[in-house]
Amino acid sequence: MRQGVVEFLFNEKKYRVEKFLILLLLWFAIFYVTTVFQVSLFVLYPLLFTVVLIMSLIKIMWYNKKEKKNTSVIDWIGIVLVIIVLVASVFL
């Protein structure tokens, strides 16, 4: 099971559609929670982006440690964008 989870997290080409559908489902779940329970989006977005940041950092550390591959520029741009959004949400 561990090998399957690792392959799902790090194989960008094989599980592209599944990851997109899971992200879309998570997005709809956040909108559902905000409308039904009257929770502000500014409360939920930092939680979501924190999870994305942690997963991105784990992915980069995994590539550098286990796979001996260089990380792509897109991974670093994603981390920088998530950090910018988190900082902006703190000031809002």
C-alpha atoms as a PDB file:
ATOM      1  CA  MET A   1       0.000   0.000   0.000  1.00  0.00           C
ATOM      2  CA  ARG A   2       2.873   2.368   0.779  1.00  0.00           C
ATOM      3  CA  GLN A   3       4.343   1.883  -2.683  1.00  0.00           C
ATOM      4  CA  GLY A   4       0.972   2.683  -4.236  1.00  0.00           C
ATOM      5  CA  VAL A   5       0.629   5.901  -2.245  1.00  0.00           C
ATOM      6  CA  VAL A   6       4.159   6.970  -3.146  1.00  0.00           C
ATOM      7  CA  GLU A   7       3.506   6.242  -6.813  1.00  0.00           C
ATOM      8  CA  PHE A   8       0.233   8.201  -6.692  1.00  0.00           C
ATOM      9  CA  LEU A   9       1.888  11.222  -5.095  1.00  0.00           C
ATOM     10  CA  PHE A  10       4.927  11.387  -7.340  1.00  0.00           C
ATOM     11  CA  ASN A  11       3.886   9.988 -10.716  1.00  0.00           C
ATOM     12  CA  GLU A  12       2.667  13.094 -12.509  1.00  0.00           C
ATOM     13  CA  LYS A  13       1.876  11.496 -15.855  1.00  0.00           C
ATOM     14  CA  LYS A  14       0.062   8.340 -14.773  1.00  0.00           C
ATOM     15  CA  TYR A  15      -2.352   9.862 -12.244  1.00  0.00           C
ATOM     16  CA  ARG A  16      -2.947  13.292 -13.768  1.00  0.00           C
ATOM     17  CA  VAL A  17      -6.725  12.849 -14.241  1.00  0.00           C
ATOM     18  CA  GLU A  18      -7.249  11.300 -10.796  1.00  0.00           C
ATOM     19  CA  LYS A  19      -5.398  14.135  -9.075  1.00  0.00           C
ATOM     20  CA  PHE A  20      -7.427  16.696 -10.988  1.00  0.00           C
ATOM     21  CA  LEU A  21     -10.699  15.019  -9.998  1.00  0.00           C
ATOM     22  CA  ILE A  22      -9.667  14.823  -6.339  1.00  0.00           C
ATOM     23  CA  LEU A  23      -8.691  18.494  -6.376  1.00  0.00           C
ATOM     24  CA  LEU A  24     -11.998  19.411  -8.014  1.00  0.00           C
ATOM     25  CA  LEU A  25     -13.911  17.383  -5.411  1.00  0.00           C
ATOM     26  CA  LEU A  26     -11.983  19.092  -2.609  1.00  0.00           C
ATOM     27  CA  TRP A  27     -12.761  22.488  -4.135  1.00  0.00           C
ATOM     28  CA  PHE A  28     -16.507  21.690  -4.252  1.00  0.00           C
ATOM     29  CA  ALA A  29     -16.367  20.413  -0.671  1.00  0.00           C
ATOM     30  CA  ILE A  30     -14.862  23.709   0.477  1.00  0.00           C
ATOM     31  CA  PHE A  31     -17.567  25.700  -1.284  1.00  0.00           C
ATOM     32  CA  TYR A  32     -20.234  23.425   0.207  1.00  0.00           C
ATOM     33  CA  VAL A  33     -18.874  23.919   3.724  1.00  0.00           C
ATOM     34  CA  THR A  34     -18.728  27.684   3.258  1.00  0.00           C
ATOM     35  CA  THR A  35     -22.324  27.926   2.054  1.00  0.00           C
ATOM     36  CA  VAL A  36     -23.971  25.445   4.416  1.00  0.00           C
ATOM     37  CA  PHE A  37     -22.101  26.220   7.632  1.00  0.00           C
ATOM     38  CA  GLN A  38     -21.517  29.911   6.911  1.00  0.00           C
ATOM     39  CA  VAL A  39     -17.751  29.568   7.292  1.00  0.00           C
ATOM     40  CA  SER A  40     -15.580  32.242   5.712  1.00  0.00           C
ATOM     41  CA  LEU A  41     -13.338  31.264   2.823  1.00  0.00           C
ATOM     42  CA  PHE A  42     -10.483  33.109   4.528  1.00  0.00           C
ATOM     43  CA  VAL A  43     -10.639  30.460   7.259  1.00  0.00           C
ATOM     44  CA  LEU A  44     -10.521  27.464   4.934  1.00  0.00           C
ATOM     45  CA  TYR A  45      -8.090  28.619   2.252  1.00  0.00           C
ATOM     46  CA  PRO A  46      -5.051  28.870   4.551  1.00  0.00           C
ATOM     47  CA  LEU A  47      -5.729  25.306   5.701  1.00  0.00           C
ATOM     48  CA  LEU A  48      -5.946  24.081   2.121  1.00  0.00           C
ATOM     49  CA  PHE A  49      -2.836  25.930   1.011  1.00  0.00           C
ATOM     50  CA  THR A  50      -0.920  24.705   4.062  1.00  0.00           C
ATOM     51  CA  VAL A  51      -1.683  21.126   3.028  1.00  0.00           C
ATOM     52  CA  VAL A  52      -0.559  21.895  -0.530  1.00  0.00           C
ATOM     53  CA  LEU A  53       2.651  23.480   0.788  1.00  0.00           C
ATOM     54  CA  ILE A  54       3.453  20.488   3.000  1.00  0.00           C
ATOM     55  CA  MET A  55       2.849  18.038   0.147  1.00  0.00           C
ATOM     56  CA  SER A  56       5.044  20.085  -2.196  1.00  0.00           C
ATOM     57  CA  LEU A  57       7.864  20.222   0.335  1.00  0.00           C
ATOM     58  CA  ILE A  58       7.616  16.466   0.930  1.00  0.00           C
ATOM     59  CA  LYS A  59       7.735  15.907  -2.829  1.00  0.00           C
ATOM     60  CA  ILE A  60      10.864  18.038  -3.225  1.00  0.00           C
ATOM     61  CA  MET A  61      12.580  16.414  -0.243  1.00  0.00           C
ATOM     62  CA  TRP A  62      11.672  12.961  -1.596  1.00  0.00           C
ATOM     63  CA  TYR A  63      13.139  13.754  -5.009  1.00  0.00           C
ATOM     64  CA  ASN A  64      16.350  15.097  -3.516  1.00  0.00           C
ATOM     65  CA  LYS A  65      16.808  12.256  -1.031  1.00  0.00           C
ATOM     66  CA  LYS A  66      15.518   9.067  -2.647  1.00  0.00           C
ATOM     67  CA  GLU A  67      15.328   9.588  -6.377  1.00  0.00           C
ATOM     68  CA  LYS A  68      18.508  11.637  -6.821  1.00  0.00           C
ATOM     69  CA  LYS A  69      16.703  13.740  -9.406  1.00  0.00           C
ATOM     70  CA  ASN A  70      16.719  17.463  -9.760  1.00  0.00           C
ATOM     71  CA  THR A  71      13.446  19.083  -8.898  1.00  0.00           C
ATOM     72  CA  SER A  72      11.689  21.000 -11.608  1.00  0.00           C
ATOM     73  CA  VAL A  73      11.244  24.740 -11.681  1.00  0.00           C
ATOM     74  CA  ILE A  74       7.472  24.266 -11.617  1.00  0.00           C
ATOM     75  CA  ASP A  75       7.699  22.678  -8.154  1.00  0.00           C
ATOM     76  CA  TRP A  76       9.619  25.663  -6.796  1.00  0.00           C
ATOM     77  CA  ILE A  77       7.254  28.149  -8.459  1.00  0.00           C
ATOM     78  CA  GLY A  78       4.314  26.329  -6.873  1.00  0.00           C
ATOM     79  CA  ILE A  79       5.889  26.576  -3.431  1.00  0.00           C
ATOM     80  CA  VAL A  80       6.606  30.284  -3.862  1.00  0.00           C
ATOM     81  CA  LEU A  81       3.031  30.955  -5.011  1.00  0.00           C
ATOM     82  CA  VAL A  82       1.544  29.034  -2.084  1.00  0.00           C
ATOM     83  CA  ILE A  83       3.740  30.949   0.370  1.00  0.00           C
ATOM     84  CA  ILE A  84       2.673  34.265  -1.211  1.00  0.00           C
ATOM     85  CA  VAL A  85      -1.000  33.304  -0.911  1.00  0.00           C
ATOM     86  CA  LEU A  86      -0.540  32.232   2.722  1.00  0.00           C
ATOM     87  CA  VAL A  87       1.210  35.492   3.605  1.00  0.00           C
ATOM     88  CA  ALA A  88      -1.484  37.508   1.835  1.00  0.00           C
ATOM     89  CA  SER A  89      -4.239  35.620   3.667  1.00  0.00           C
ATOM     90  CA  VAL A  90      -2.593  36.388   7.007  1.00  0.00           C
ATOM     91  CA  PHE A  91      -2.724  40.105   6.260  1.00  0.00           C
ATOM     92  CA  LEU A  92      -6.339  39.986   5.120  1.00  0.00           C
END
